[in-house]
Amino acid sequence: MEALIKQIESEIRDVPDFPKEGIIFKDITPLFKNPKLIKEMVAYLKMQYKDAPIDAIAGIESRGFLLGVPLALALNVPFILIRKKGKLPCKTIAHSYQLEYGEATIEVHEDAIEPGQNVLIHDDLIATGGSASAAAELIKKLKGNVYGFNFLIELSFLNGEENLRDYSKNITSFVTY
């Protein structure tokens, strides 16, 4: 696991002043130039969750789709798209939240989750926990259970994990800054 984390860290690049001045964006796109690394990451996640009572993976637009879909396939469970407002074609439910640099609304199809399903929420990064909390609220509105959260990157200095603990104690990340 240590070698995998080091490899992931070596591929993530810092982009200063994006999306606005003063923010250092953690860019994961270089990871996807390395298919072997992506396969290792998905294999590790599959091993981590193979015995967990997970009925579906929910990915948060858009970078949460990148590993969320292969993880859902590896676990043989459905993938749920959580998208920005106005991007889903059928009837949706929405939840608004604060970003570290603004405000946003996300939606999910109202038939995406069956009542009682255990859902793992996946995204690329946890900062303040706003988008992950909003995704958890959507799952709860559909009477699903939040099994846990998984991220590629955690910005621990923003304490986002603390905002998720009321939903689940199962919170994991590959890399922590």
N, C-alpha and C. Protein backbone atom coordinates (compact mmCIF):
# COMPACT_ATOMS: atom_id res chain seq x y z
N MET A 1 0.82 -1.20 0.00
CA MET A 1 0.00 0.00 0.00
C MET A 1 0.87 1.26 0.00
N GLU A 2 1.95 1.22 0.76
CA GLU A 2 2.84 2.39 0.84
C GLU A 2 3.39 2.77 -0.53
N ALA A 3 3.80 1.77 -1.31
CA ALA A 3 4.33 2.05 -2.66
C ALA A 3 3.24 2.62 -3.56
N LEU A 4 2.02 2.14 -3.42
CA LEU A 4 0.91 2.66 -4.21
C LEU A 4 0.65 4.13 -3.87
N ILE A 5 0.65 4.45 -2.60
CA ILE A 5 0.43 5.84 -2.18
C ILE A 5 1.54 6.75 -2.72
N LYS A 6 2.77 6.30 -2.62
CA LYS A 6 3.89 7.11 -3.14
C LYS A 6 3.75 7.35 -4.64
N GLN A 7 3.33 6.32 -5.37
CA GLN A 7 3.15 6.46 -6.81
C GLN A 7 2.03 7.46 -7.12
N ILE A 8 0.92 7.37 -6.38
CA ILE A 8 -0.18 8.31 -6.57
C ILE A 8 0.28 9.73 -6.29
N GLU A 9 0.97 9.91 -5.18
CA GLU A 9 1.48 11.24 -4.81
C GLU A 9 2.39 11.81 -5.88
N SER A 10 3.20 10.96 -6.48
CA SER A 10 4.15 11.44 -7.49
C SER A 10 3.45 11.90 -8.77
N GLU A 11 2.24 11.41 -9.01
CA GLU A 11 1.50 11.74 -10.23
C GLU A 11 0.60 12.97 -10.08
N ILE A 12 0.22 13.30 -8.85
CA ILE A 12 -0.68 14.45 -8.63
C ILE A 12 0.14 15.73 -8.75
N ARG A 13 -0.40 16.68 -9.51
CA ARG A 13 0.35 17.93 -9.66
C ARG A 13 -0.45 19.09 -9.05
N ASP A 14 0.30 20.05 -8.51
CA ASP A 14 -0.29 21.26 -7.95
C ASP A 14 -0.43 22.31 -9.05
N VAL A 15 -1.60 22.94 -9.10
CA VAL A 15 -1.85 24.02 -10.04
C VAL A 15 -2.21 25.25 -9.21
N PRO A 16 -1.29 26.21 -9.08
CA PRO A 16 -1.58 27.38 -8.26
C PRO A 16 -2.61 28.31 -8.90
N ASP A 17 -3.38 28.95 -8.03
CA ASP A 17 -4.36 29.97 -8.42
C ASP A 17 -5.44 29.44 -9.37
N PHE A 18 -5.87 28.18 -9.14
CA PHE A 18 -6.98 27.62 -9.91
C PHE A 18 -7.95 26.96 -8.94
N PRO A 19 -9.23 27.20 -9.04
CA PRO A 19 -9.94 27.99 -10.04
C PRO A 19 -9.95 29.48 -9.74
N LYS A 20 -9.36 29.89 -8.61
CA LYS A 20 -9.22 31.32 -8.35
C LYS A 20 -7.95 31.56 -7.55
N GLU A 21 -7.54 32.79 -7.50
CA GLU A 21 -6.30 33.15 -6.83
C GLU A 21 -6.29 32.68 -5.38
N GLY A 22 -5.16 32.13 -4.98
CA GLY A 22 -4.98 31.66 -3.61
C GLY A 22 -5.28 30.19 -3.40
N ILE A 23 -5.92 29.54 -4.37
CA ILE A 23 -6.23 28.11 -4.28
C ILE A 23 -5.12 27.34 -4.98
N ILE A 24 -4.66 26.26 -4.35
CA ILE A 24 -3.73 25.34 -5.01
C ILE A 24 -4.54 24.09 -5.36
N PHE A 25 -4.83 23.93 -6.62
CA PHE A 25 -5.65 22.84 -7.13
C PHE A 25 -4.81 21.57 -7.23
N LYS A 26 -5.33 20.47 -6.71
CA LYS A 26 -4.67 19.17 -6.82
C LYS A 26 -5.20 18.49 -8.08
N ASP A 27 -4.38 18.46 -9.11
CA ASP A 27 -4.77 17.94 -10.42
C ASP A 27 -4.48 16.46 -10.51
N ILE A 28 -5.54 15.66 -10.67
CA ILE A 28 -5.38 14.21 -10.76
C ILE A 28 -5.27 13.70 -12.20
N THR A 29 -5.40 14.59 -13.17
CA THR A 29 -5.39 14.11 -14.55
C THR A 29 -4.12 13.36 -14.94
N PRO A 30 -2.94 13.69 -14.40
CA PRO A 30 -1.76 12.89 -14.75
C PRO A 30 -1.86 11.42 -14.35
N LEU A 31 -2.66 11.11 -13.34
CA LEU A 31 -2.84 9.71 -12.93
C LEU A 31 -3.36 8.87 -14.08
N PHE A 32 -4.21 9.46 -14.90
CA PHE A 32 -4.89 8.71 -15.94
C PHE A 32 -4.03 8.49 -17.19
N LYS A 33 -2.80 8.99 -17.17
CA LYS A 33 -1.83 8.67 -18.21
C LYS A 33 -1.14 7.34 -17.91
N ASN A 34 -1.43 6.79 -16.73
CA ASN A 34 -0.77 5.58 -16.26
C ASN A 34 -1.82 4.49 -16.00
N PRO A 35 -2.21 3.73 -17.03
CA PRO A 35 -3.26 2.72 -16.86
C PRO A 35 -2.92 1.66 -15.81
N LYS A 36 -1.64 1.32 -15.68
CA LYS A 36 -1.23 0.33 -14.68
C LYS A 36 -1.55 0.85 -13.27
N LEU A 37 -1.28 2.10 -13.03
CA LEU A 37 -1.57 2.69 -11.72
C LEU A 37 -3.07 2.71 -11.45
N ILE A 38 -3.86 3.09 -12.43
CA ILE A 38 -5.32 3.11 -12.26
C ILE A 38 -5.82 1.71 -11.94
N LYS A 39 -5.32 0.70 -12.64
CA LYS A 39 -5.72 -0.68 -12.37
C LYS A 39 -5.36 -1.08 -10.94
N GLU A 40 -4.17 -0.67 -10.48
CA GLU A 40 -3.75 -0.98 -9.11
C GLU A 40 -4.65 -0.28 -8.09
N MET A 41 -5.04 0.95 -8.38
CA MET A 41 -5.91 1.69 -7.47
C MET A 41 -7.28 1.01 -7.38
N VAL A 42 -7.84 0.64 -8.52
CA VAL A 42 -9.15 -0.03 -8.52
C VAL A 42 -9.04 -1.39 -7.82
N ALA A 43 -7.96 -2.12 -8.07
CA ALA A 43 -7.78 -3.42 -7.41
C ALA A 43 -7.69 -3.25 -5.90
N TYR A 44 -6.97 -2.22 -5.46
CA TYR A 44 -6.88 -1.97 -4.02
C TYR A 44 -8.24 -1.64 -3.43
N LEU A 45 -9.00 -0.77 -4.12
CA LEU A 45 -10.34 -0.40 -3.64
C LEU A 45 -11.26 -1.61 -3.61
N LYS A 46 -11.17 -2.45 -4.64
CA LYS A 46 -11.99 -3.66 -4.65
C LYS A 46 -11.68 -4.54 -3.45
N MET A 47 -10.38 -4.71 -3.17
CA MET A 47 -9.98 -5.51 -2.02
C MET A 47 -10.50 -4.89 -0.72
N GLN A 48 -10.43 -3.57 -0.63
CA GLN A 48 -10.86 -2.87 0.58
C GLN A 48 -12.36 -3.03 0.83
N TYR A 49 -13.16 -3.06 -0.24
CA TYR A 49 -14.62 -3.05 -0.08
C TYR A 49 -15.32 -4.35 -0.47
N LYS A 50 -14.59 -5.38 -0.89
CA LYS A 50 -15.24 -6.59 -1.43
C LYS A 50 -16.16 -7.27 -0.43
N ASP A 51 -15.89 -7.18 0.85
CA ASP A 51 -16.74 -7.84 1.85
C ASP A 51 -17.67 -6.86 2.55
N ALA A 52 -17.66 -5.61 2.13
CA ALA A 52 -18.52 -4.59 2.75
C ALA A 52 -19.93 -4.70 2.18
N PRO A 53 -20.93 -4.37 2.99
CA PRO A 53 -22.32 -4.44 2.52
C PRO A 53 -22.70 -3.23 1.67
N ILE A 54 -22.05 -3.12 0.51
CA ILE A 54 -22.29 -1.99 -0.39
C ILE A 54 -23.19 -2.44 -1.53
N ASP A 55 -24.29 -1.71 -1.71
CA ASP A 55 -25.25 -2.03 -2.77
C ASP A 55 -25.08 -1.17 -4.00
N ALA A 56 -24.38 -0.04 -3.87
CA ALA A 56 -24.18 0.87 -5.00
C ALA A 56 -23.04 1.83 -4.68
N ILE A 57 -22.43 2.36 -5.74
CA ILE A 57 -21.41 3.41 -5.63
C ILE A 57 -22.03 4.67 -6.23
N ALA A 58 -21.93 5.78 -5.50
CA ALA A 58 -22.38 7.08 -6.03
C ALA A 58 -21.15 7.93 -6.28
N GLY A 59 -21.03 8.44 -7.50
CA GLY A 59 -19.92 9.31 -7.86
C GLY A 59 -20.40 10.73 -8.04
N ILE A 60 -19.61 11.67 -7.55
CA ILE A 60 -19.95 13.09 -7.64
C ILE A 60 -19.28 13.67 -8.88
N GLU A 61 -20.07 14.37 -9.70
CA GLU A 61 -19.59 14.96 -10.95
C GLU A 61 -18.37 15.83 -10.71
N SER A 62 -17.48 15.79 -11.61
CA SER A 62 -17.30 14.79 -12.65
C SER A 62 -16.14 13.86 -12.34
N ARG A 63 -15.22 14.32 -11.55
CA ARG A 63 -14.04 13.48 -11.28
C ARG A 63 -14.37 12.26 -10.42
N GLY A 64 -15.49 12.30 -9.72
CA GLY A 64 -15.92 11.13 -8.96
C GLY A 64 -16.38 9.98 -9.84
N PHE A 65 -16.59 10.27 -11.12
CA PHE A 65 -16.98 9.23 -12.07
C PHE A 65 -15.76 8.40 -12.49
N LEU A 66 -14.58 9.02 -12.47
CA LEU A 66 -13.39 8.41 -13.06
C LEU A 66 -13.00 7.09 -12.42
N LEU A 67 -13.03 7.01 -11.10
CA LEU A 67 -12.75 5.75 -10.41
C LEU A 67 -14.01 5.12 -9.87
N GLY A 68 -15.07 5.91 -9.72
CA GLY A 68 -16.33 5.38 -9.21
C GLY A 68 -16.92 4.32 -10.11
N VAL A 69 -16.90 4.55 -11.41
CA VAL A 69 -17.45 3.57 -12.36
C VAL A 69 -16.63 2.28 -12.34
N PRO A 70 -15.29 2.32 -12.47
CA PRO A 70 -14.56 1.05 -12.43
C PRO A 70 -14.70 0.33 -11.09
N LEU A 71 -14.82 1.09 -9.99
CA LEU A 71 -15.02 0.43 -8.70
C LEU A 71 -16.38 -0.27 -8.65
N ALA A 72 -17.42 0.40 -9.15
CA ALA A 72 -18.75 -0.23 -9.19
C ALA A 72 -18.71 -1.51 -10.04
N LEU A 73 -18.03 -1.45 -11.18
CA LEU A 73 -17.89 -2.63 -12.02
C LEU A 73 -17.13 -3.75 -11.30
N ALA A 74 -16.05 -3.38 -10.62
CA ALA A 74 -15.25 -4.37 -9.89
C ALA A 74 -16.05 -5.04 -8.77
N LEU A 75 -16.93 -4.28 -8.14
CA LEU A 75 -17.75 -4.82 -7.04
C LEU A 75 -19.08 -5.38 -7.55
N ASN A 76 -19.34 -5.22 -8.85
CA ASN A 76 -20.58 -5.70 -9.46
C ASN A 76 -21.82 -5.08 -8.81
N VAL A 77 -21.76 -3.76 -8.62
CA VAL A 77 -22.90 -3.01 -8.07
C VAL A 77 -23.22 -1.84 -9.00
N PRO A 78 -24.42 -1.29 -8.91
CA PRO A 78 -24.79 -0.15 -9.76
C PRO A 78 -23.95 1.09 -9.44
N PHE A 79 -23.85 1.96 -10.44
CA PHE A 79 -23.20 3.26 -10.27
C PHE A 79 -24.27 4.34 -10.36
N ILE A 80 -24.26 5.25 -9.40
CA ILE A 80 -25.23 6.34 -9.32
C ILE A 80 -24.52 7.65 -9.66
N LEU A 81 -25.08 8.37 -10.62
CA LEU A 81 -24.50 9.66 -11.01
C LEU A 81 -25.11 10.78 -10.17
N ILE A 82 -24.25 11.52 -9.50
CA ILE A 82 -24.66 12.73 -8.80
C ILE A 82 -24.05 13.88 -9.59
N ARG A 83 -24.95 14.71 -10.16
CA ARG A 83 -24.51 15.72 -11.13
C ARG A 83 -24.90 17.12 -10.70
N LYS A 84 -24.27 18.08 -11.37
CA LYS A 84 -24.61 19.48 -11.18
C LYS A 84 -26.05 19.72 -11.64
N LYS A 85 -26.67 20.71 -11.05
CA LYS A 85 -28.06 21.03 -11.34
C LYS A 85 -28.27 21.21 -12.85
N GLY A 86 -29.35 20.59 -13.35
CA GLY A 86 -29.73 20.75 -14.75
C GLY A 86 -29.07 19.79 -15.72
N LYS A 87 -28.25 18.85 -15.23
CA LYS A 87 -27.53 17.94 -16.13
C LYS A 87 -28.18 16.58 -16.29
N LEU A 88 -29.13 16.23 -15.43
CA LEU A 88 -29.79 14.93 -15.52
C LEU A 88 -31.14 15.09 -16.23
N PRO A 89 -31.49 14.15 -17.13
CA PRO A 89 -32.66 14.35 -17.98
C PRO A 89 -34.02 14.01 -17.37
N CYS A 90 -34.06 13.20 -16.33
CA CYS A 90 -35.36 12.79 -15.77
C CYS A 90 -35.62 13.52 -14.45
N LYS A 91 -36.67 13.13 -13.77
CA LYS A 91 -37.05 13.79 -12.53
C LYS A 91 -35.97 13.59 -11.47
N THR A 92 -35.58 14.68 -10.82
CA THR A 92 -34.48 14.66 -9.87
C THR A 92 -34.89 15.25 -8.52
N ILE A 93 -34.03 15.02 -7.53
CA ILE A 93 -34.07 15.76 -6.28
C ILE A 93 -32.74 16.50 -6.18
N ALA A 94 -32.75 17.63 -5.48
CA ALA A 94 -31.56 18.48 -5.43
C ALA A 94 -31.18 18.81 -4.00
N HIS A 95 -29.92 19.20 -3.85
CA HIS A 95 -29.43 19.70 -2.57
C HIS A 95 -28.36 20.76 -2.86
N SER A 96 -28.49 21.93 -2.22
CA SER A 96 -27.51 23.01 -2.37
C SER A 96 -26.56 23.01 -1.20
N TYR A 97 -25.34 23.48 -1.44
CA TYR A 97 -24.30 23.48 -0.41
C TYR A 97 -23.26 24.55 -0.72
N GLN A 98 -22.41 24.82 0.27
CA GLN A 98 -21.33 25.78 0.13
C GLN A 98 -20.05 25.05 -0.31
N LEU A 99 -19.38 25.61 -1.28
CA LEU A 99 -18.05 25.16 -1.68
C LEU A 99 -17.01 25.96 -0.90
N GLU A 100 -15.77 25.52 -0.98
CA GLU A 100 -14.71 26.31 -0.34
C GLU A 100 -14.52 27.65 -1.05
N TYR A 101 -15.07 27.77 -2.27
CA TYR A 101 -14.92 29.02 -3.03
C TYR A 101 -16.22 29.40 -3.75
N GLY A 102 -17.38 29.10 -3.16
CA GLY A 102 -18.65 29.48 -3.77
C GLY A 102 -19.81 28.64 -3.28
N GLU A 103 -20.85 28.51 -4.13
CA GLU A 103 -22.03 27.73 -3.80
C GLU A 103 -22.40 26.87 -5.00
N ALA A 104 -23.03 25.71 -4.74
CA ALA A 104 -23.41 24.81 -5.82
C ALA A 104 -24.65 24.02 -5.43
N THR A 105 -25.28 23.43 -6.44
CA THR A 105 -26.41 22.53 -6.25
C THR A 105 -26.14 21.27 -7.04
N ILE A 106 -26.37 20.13 -6.40
CA ILE A 106 -26.23 18.85 -7.10
C ILE A 106 -27.57 18.13 -7.07
N GLU A 107 -27.70 17.20 -8.03
CA GLU A 107 -28.95 16.45 -8.17
C GLU A 107 -28.66 14.98 -8.41
N VAL A 108 -29.69 14.18 -8.18
CA VAL A 108 -29.67 12.76 -8.50
C VAL A 108 -31.06 12.40 -9.00
N HIS A 109 -31.14 11.43 -9.91
CA HIS A 109 -32.45 10.96 -10.35
C HIS A 109 -33.20 10.39 -9.15
N GLU A 110 -34.48 10.70 -9.07
CA GLU A 110 -35.24 10.27 -7.91
C GLU A 110 -35.42 8.76 -7.83
N ASP A 111 -35.16 8.04 -8.91
CA ASP A 111 -35.26 6.58 -8.89
C ASP A 111 -33.88 5.89 -8.86
N ALA A 112 -32.85 6.63 -8.53
CA ALA A 112 -31.48 6.10 -8.57
C ALA A 112 -31.17 5.12 -7.44
N ILE A 113 -31.86 5.27 -6.32
CA ILE A 113 -31.55 4.47 -5.13
C ILE A 113 -32.83 3.83 -4.62
N GLU A 114 -32.74 2.57 -4.27
CA GLU A 114 -33.86 1.88 -3.62
C GLU A 114 -33.78 2.13 -2.12
N PRO A 115 -34.92 2.29 -1.45
CA PRO A 115 -34.89 2.46 0.00
C PRO A 115 -34.11 1.34 0.68
N GLY A 116 -33.26 1.72 1.61
CA GLY A 116 -32.46 0.75 2.36
C GLY A 116 -31.14 0.37 1.73
N GLN A 117 -30.87 0.78 0.49
CA GLN A 117 -29.59 0.45 -0.14
C GLN A 117 -28.44 1.13 0.59
N ASN A 118 -27.34 0.41 0.73
CA ASN A 118 -26.11 0.96 1.30
C ASN A 118 -25.26 1.51 0.17
N VAL A 119 -24.93 2.79 0.25
CA VAL A 119 -24.25 3.48 -0.84
C VAL A 119 -22.90 4.01 -0.36
N LEU A 120 -21.85 3.71 -1.12
CA LEU A 120 -20.53 4.28 -0.90
C LEU A 120 -20.41 5.49 -1.82
N ILE A 121 -20.09 6.64 -1.26
CA ILE A 121 -19.92 7.87 -2.04
C ILE A 121 -18.44 8.00 -2.39
N HIS A 122 -18.17 8.20 -3.68
CA HIS A 122 -16.78 8.36 -4.13
C HIS A 122 -16.61 9.71 -4.83
N ASP A 123 -15.50 10.38 -4.52
CA ASP A 123 -15.12 11.59 -5.23
C ASP A 123 -13.61 11.67 -5.25
N ASP A 124 -13.10 12.59 -6.06
CA ASP A 124 -11.65 12.69 -6.18
C ASP A 124 -11.01 13.34 -4.97
N LEU A 125 -11.71 14.28 -4.34
CA LEU A 125 -11.06 15.09 -3.29
C LEU A 125 -12.07 15.51 -2.25
N ILE A 126 -11.64 15.49 -0.99
CA ILE A 126 -12.43 16.08 0.08
C ILE A 126 -11.67 17.29 0.61
N ALA A 127 -12.33 18.43 0.55
CA ALA A 127 -11.79 19.67 1.11
C ALA A 127 -12.59 19.99 2.36
N THR A 128 -13.65 20.76 2.21
CA THR A 128 -14.50 21.11 3.36
C THR A 128 -15.56 20.06 3.64
N GLY A 129 -15.77 19.16 2.69
CA GLY A 129 -16.78 18.12 2.84
C GLY A 129 -18.15 18.54 2.33
N GLY A 130 -18.26 19.72 1.73
CA GLY A 130 -19.55 20.23 1.28
C GLY A 130 -20.23 19.38 0.24
N SER A 131 -19.51 19.01 -0.82
CA SER A 131 -20.15 18.23 -1.88
C SER A 131 -20.45 16.81 -1.41
N ALA A 132 -19.58 16.21 -0.61
CA ALA A 132 -19.83 14.86 -0.10
C ALA A 132 -21.02 14.87 0.87
N SER A 133 -21.12 15.89 1.71
CA SER A 133 -22.27 16.02 2.61
C SER A 133 -23.56 16.18 1.82
N ALA A 134 -23.50 16.99 0.76
CA ALA A 134 -24.68 17.19 -0.09
C ALA A 134 -25.09 15.87 -0.75
N ALA A 135 -24.11 15.10 -1.22
CA ALA A 135 -24.40 13.79 -1.81
C ALA A 135 -25.05 12.87 -0.77
N ALA A 136 -24.54 12.90 0.46
CA ALA A 136 -25.12 12.09 1.53
C ALA A 136 -26.57 12.50 1.80
N GLU A 137 -26.83 13.80 1.76
CA GLU A 137 -28.20 14.28 1.96
C GLU A 137 -29.13 13.77 0.87
N LEU A 138 -28.64 13.74 -0.38
CA LEU A 138 -29.45 13.21 -1.47
C LEU A 138 -29.78 11.73 -1.23
N ILE A 139 -28.79 10.97 -0.81
CA ILE A 139 -29.00 9.54 -0.55
C ILE A 139 -30.02 9.36 0.57
N LYS A 140 -29.89 10.15 1.62
CA LYS A 140 -30.85 10.08 2.73
C LYS A 140 -32.26 10.45 2.28
N LYS A 141 -32.38 11.47 1.42
CA LYS A 141 -33.70 11.88 0.92
C LYS A 141 -34.38 10.75 0.15
N LEU A 142 -33.57 9.91 -0.49
CA LEU A 142 -34.11 8.77 -1.23
C LEU A 142 -34.22 7.52 -0.35
N LYS A 143 -34.03 7.70 0.96
CA LYS A 143 -34.15 6.63 1.95
C LYS A 143 -33.08 5.55 1.82
N GLY A 144 -31.94 5.95 1.26
CA GLY A 144 -30.79 5.06 1.22
C GLY A 144 -29.92 5.29 2.45
N ASN A 145 -28.96 4.41 2.66
CA ASN A 145 -28.01 4.53 3.77
C ASN A 145 -26.64 4.88 3.21
N VAL A 146 -25.97 5.79 3.88
CA VAL A 146 -24.60 6.14 3.49
C VAL A 146 -23.67 5.14 4.18
N TYR A 147 -23.14 4.19 3.40
CA TYR A 147 -22.20 3.23 3.97
C TYR A 147 -20.90 3.92 4.35
N GLY A 148 -20.43 4.82 3.46
CA GLY A 148 -19.16 5.50 3.72
C GLY A 148 -18.78 6.40 2.57
N PHE A 149 -17.55 6.90 2.68
CA PHE A 149 -17.00 7.84 1.70
C PHE A 149 -15.61 7.38 1.33
N ASN A 150 -15.26 7.54 0.05
CA ASN A 150 -13.92 7.23 -0.40
C ASN A 150 -13.45 8.36 -1.32
N PHE A 151 -12.21 8.80 -1.10
CA PHE A 151 -11.63 9.89 -1.87
C PHE A 151 -10.23 9.51 -2.32
N LEU A 152 -9.79 10.11 -3.42
CA LEU A 152 -8.38 9.97 -3.80
C LEU A 152 -7.52 10.82 -2.88
N ILE A 153 -7.98 12.06 -2.62
CA ILE A 153 -7.19 13.05 -1.89
C ILE A 153 -8.01 13.65 -0.76
N GLU A 154 -7.38 13.81 0.39
CA GLU A 154 -7.98 14.55 1.50
C GLU A 154 -7.10 15.75 1.82
N LEU A 155 -7.70 16.92 1.87
CA LEU A 155 -7.02 18.13 2.34
C LEU A 155 -7.36 18.26 3.82
N SER A 156 -6.58 17.59 4.66
CA SER A 156 -6.92 17.45 6.07
C SER A 156 -6.96 18.77 6.82
N PHE A 157 -6.22 19.77 6.35
CA PHE A 157 -6.19 21.06 7.02
C PHE A 157 -7.52 21.81 6.92
N LEU A 158 -8.43 21.34 6.05
CA LEU A 158 -9.75 21.95 5.92
C LEU A 158 -10.82 21.22 6.74
N ASN A 159 -10.43 20.12 7.40
CA ASN A 159 -11.29 19.39 8.34
C ASN A 159 -12.60 18.89 7.73
N GLY A 160 -12.61 18.59 6.45
CA GLY A 160 -13.83 18.12 5.80
C GLY A 160 -14.35 16.80 6.34
N GLU A 161 -13.43 15.94 6.77
CA GLU A 161 -13.84 14.63 7.29
C GLU A 161 -14.77 14.79 8.50
N GLU A 162 -14.51 15.80 9.32
CA GLU A 162 -15.36 16.04 10.49
C GLU A 162 -16.81 16.32 10.09
N ASN A 163 -17.01 16.94 8.93
CA ASN A 163 -18.37 17.23 8.46
C ASN A 163 -19.10 16.01 7.93
N LEU A 164 -18.39 14.90 7.77
CA LEU A 164 -19.00 13.68 7.23
C LEU A 164 -19.30 12.63 8.29
N ARG A 165 -18.73 12.77 9.45
CA ARG A 165 -18.83 11.73 10.49
C ARG A 165 -20.26 11.45 10.96
N ASP A 166 -21.15 12.41 10.82
CA ASP A 166 -22.55 12.17 11.20
C ASP A 166 -23.24 11.23 10.22
N TYR A 167 -22.71 11.12 9.00
CA TYR A 167 -23.27 10.23 7.99
C TYR A 167 -22.67 8.84 8.08
N SER A 168 -21.37 8.75 8.32
CA SER A 168 -20.68 7.47 8.40
C SER A 168 -19.28 7.68 8.98
N LYS A 169 -18.81 6.68 9.68
CA LYS A 169 -17.43 6.69 10.20
C LYS A 169 -16.47 6.06 9.19
N ASN A 170 -17.02 5.43 8.14
CA ASN A 170 -16.21 4.79 7.09
C ASN A 170 -15.77 5.84 6.08
N ILE A 171 -14.63 6.45 6.33
CA ILE A 171 -14.12 7.52 5.46
C ILE A 171 -12.66 7.19 5.16
N THR A 172 -12.36 7.02 3.87
CA THR A 172 -10.99 6.67 3.49
C THR A 172 -10.52 7.55 2.33
N SER A 173 -9.21 7.72 2.28
CA SER A 173 -8.55 8.47 1.19
C SER A 173 -7.23 7.77 0.89
N PHE A 174 -6.79 7.88 -0.36
CA PHE A 174 -5.47 7.36 -0.71
C PHE A 174 -4.38 8.28 -0.18
N VAL A 175 -4.51 9.59 -0.44
CA VAL A 175 -3.46 10.56 -0.16
C VAL A 175 -4.03 11.66 0.73
N THR A 176 -3.26 12.06 1.75
CA THR A 176 -3.67 13.13 2.64
C THR A 176 -2.64 14.23 2.64
N TYR A 177 -3.12 15.47 2.47
CA TYR A 177 -2.24 16.64 2.55
C TYR A 177 -2.64 17.46 3.76
